[in-house]
Amino acid sequence: MYERLAEFAQTWGLVYFVILFAIVLAYALWPKNKKRFDDASKIPLRED
């Protein structure tokens, strides 16, 4: 029983994290989000 559960977790856990990584990467590189990330990158340089 444990071996089946471990095999399932290793296989589908890897698939889950690869899909999650692809979604995060697509979100970060989506052209629509460029202005938002450019603004966020300048926050430490602002003098409020």
N, C-alpha and C. Protein backbone atom coordinates (compact mmCIF):
# COMPACT_ATOMS: atom_id res chain seq x y z
N MET A 1 0.82 -1.19 0.00
CA MET A 1 0.00 0.00 0.00
C MET A 1 0.87 1.27 0.00
N TYR A 2 1.88 1.31 0.87
CA TYR A 2 2.75 2.48 0.95
C TYR A 2 3.50 2.70 -0.36
N GLU A 3 3.95 1.60 -0.97
CA GLU A 3 4.71 1.74 -2.22
C GLU A 3 3.84 2.32 -3.33
N ARG A 4 2.59 1.90 -3.40
CA ARG A 4 1.68 2.45 -4.41
C ARG A 4 1.44 3.93 -4.18
N LEU A 5 1.23 4.29 -2.92
CA LEU A 5 1.00 5.69 -2.58
C LEU A 5 2.22 6.54 -2.88
N ALA A 6 3.40 6.02 -2.55
CA ALA A 6 4.64 6.76 -2.82
C ALA A 6 4.86 6.92 -4.33
N GLU A 7 4.59 5.89 -5.10
CA GLU A 7 4.74 5.97 -6.55
C GLU A 7 3.76 6.97 -7.13
N PHE A 8 2.53 6.95 -6.65
CA PHE A 8 1.52 7.90 -7.12
C PHE A 8 1.96 9.34 -6.81
N ALA A 9 2.42 9.57 -5.59
CA ALA A 9 2.83 10.91 -5.18
C ALA A 9 4.04 11.39 -5.99
N GLN A 10 4.98 10.52 -6.26
CA GLN A 10 6.16 10.91 -7.02
C GLN A 10 5.79 11.25 -8.46
N THR A 11 4.97 10.43 -9.08
CA THR A 11 4.60 10.64 -10.47
C THR A 11 3.71 11.86 -10.64
N TRP A 12 2.59 11.88 -9.96
CA TRP A 12 1.63 12.95 -10.14
C TRP A 12 2.06 14.22 -9.43
N GLY A 13 2.85 14.11 -8.40
CA GLY A 13 3.39 15.30 -7.76
C GLY A 13 4.31 16.05 -8.72
N LEU A 14 5.13 15.31 -9.44
CA LEU A 14 6.02 15.92 -10.43
C LEU A 14 5.21 16.58 -11.53
N VAL A 15 4.20 15.90 -12.03
CA VAL A 15 3.35 16.46 -13.08
C VAL A 15 2.67 17.74 -12.58
N TYR A 16 2.17 17.70 -11.35
CA TYR A 16 1.51 18.86 -10.75
C TYR A 16 2.47 20.05 -10.68
N PHE A 17 3.69 19.85 -10.21
CA PHE A 17 4.63 20.96 -10.08
C PHE A 17 5.13 21.47 -11.42
N VAL A 18 5.24 20.61 -12.41
CA VAL A 18 5.63 21.06 -13.75
C VAL A 18 4.53 21.95 -14.34
N ILE A 19 3.28 21.53 -14.17
CA ILE A 19 2.16 22.33 -14.66
C ILE A 19 2.08 23.66 -13.92
N LEU A 20 2.25 23.61 -12.61
CA LEU A 20 2.23 24.84 -11.81
C LEU A 20 3.35 25.79 -12.23
N PHE A 21 4.54 25.26 -12.47
CA PHE A 21 5.67 26.07 -12.92
C PHE A 21 5.36 26.72 -14.27
N ALA A 22 4.76 25.96 -15.19
CA ALA A 22 4.43 26.50 -16.51
C ALA A 22 3.41 27.62 -16.40
N ILE A 23 2.44 27.49 -15.50
CA ILE A 23 1.44 28.53 -15.31
C ILE A 23 2.08 29.80 -14.74
N VAL A 24 2.93 29.65 -13.74
CA VAL A 24 3.59 30.81 -13.15
C VAL A 24 4.50 31.48 -14.16
N LEU A 25 5.21 30.70 -14.93
CA LEU A 25 6.10 31.26 -15.96
C LEU A 25 5.30 32.02 -17.02
N ALA A 26 4.19 31.45 -17.46
CA ALA A 26 3.35 32.13 -18.44
C ALA A 26 2.80 33.42 -17.88
N TYR A 27 2.39 33.42 -16.62
CA TYR A 27 1.88 34.64 -15.99
C TYR A 27 2.97 35.71 -15.93
N ALA A 28 4.17 35.32 -15.56
CA ALA A 28 5.26 36.29 -15.42
C ALA A 28 5.71 36.85 -16.76
N LEU A 29 5.59 36.09 -17.82
CA LEU A 29 6.06 36.54 -19.13
C LEU A 29 4.96 37.06 -20.04
N TRP A 30 3.72 37.06 -19.55
CA TRP A 30 2.59 37.53 -20.36
C TRP A 30 2.76 39.02 -20.64
N PRO A 31 2.67 39.44 -21.90
CA PRO A 31 2.90 40.85 -22.24
C PRO A 31 1.98 41.83 -21.49
N LYS A 32 0.78 41.42 -21.18
CA LYS A 32 -0.17 42.28 -20.47
C LYS A 32 0.33 42.66 -19.08
N ASN A 33 1.16 41.82 -18.46
CA ASN A 33 1.64 42.06 -17.10
C ASN A 33 2.95 42.84 -17.04
N LYS A 34 3.50 43.20 -18.19
CA LYS A 34 4.81 43.85 -18.21
C LYS A 34 4.82 45.17 -17.42
N LYS A 35 3.81 46.01 -17.63
CA LYS A 35 3.78 47.30 -16.93
C LYS A 35 3.69 47.10 -15.42
N ARG A 36 2.90 46.14 -14.98
CA ARG A 36 2.76 45.87 -13.55
C ARG A 36 4.10 45.45 -12.94
N PHE A 37 4.83 44.59 -13.62
CA PHE A 37 6.11 44.13 -13.09
C PHE A 37 7.18 45.22 -13.19
N ASP A 38 7.12 46.03 -14.22
CA ASP A 38 8.07 47.16 -14.32
C ASP A 38 7.85 48.14 -13.18
N ASP A 39 6.58 48.44 -12.88
CA ASP A 39 6.28 49.33 -11.76
C ASP A 39 6.73 48.73 -10.43
N ALA A 40 6.51 47.46 -10.25
CA ALA A 40 6.89 46.79 -9.00
C ALA A 40 8.41 46.76 -8.84
N SER A 41 9.13 46.69 -9.94
CA SER A 41 10.59 46.63 -9.84
C SER A 41 11.20 47.97 -9.39
N LYS A 42 10.44 49.03 -9.54
CA LYS A 42 10.94 50.36 -9.17
C LYS A 42 10.54 50.78 -7.76
N ILE A 43 9.77 49.98 -7.07
CA ILE A 43 9.31 50.33 -5.72
C ILE A 43 10.47 50.61 -4.77
N PRO A 44 11.55 49.82 -4.74
CA PRO A 44 12.63 50.12 -3.80
C PRO A 44 13.35 51.44 -4.07
N LEU A 45 13.23 51.97 -5.27
CA LEU A 45 13.93 53.19 -5.62
C LEU A 45 13.10 54.45 -5.38
N ARG A 46 11.84 54.26 -5.05
CA ARG A 46 10.98 55.42 -4.80
C ARG A 46 11.31 56.09 -3.48
N GLU A 47 11.20 57.40 -3.51
CA GLU A 47 11.42 58.17 -2.26
C GLU A 47 10.10 58.83 -1.91
N ASP A 48 9.36 58.19 -1.05
CA ASP A 48 8.04 58.73 -0.67
C ASP A 48 8.14 59.72 0.45
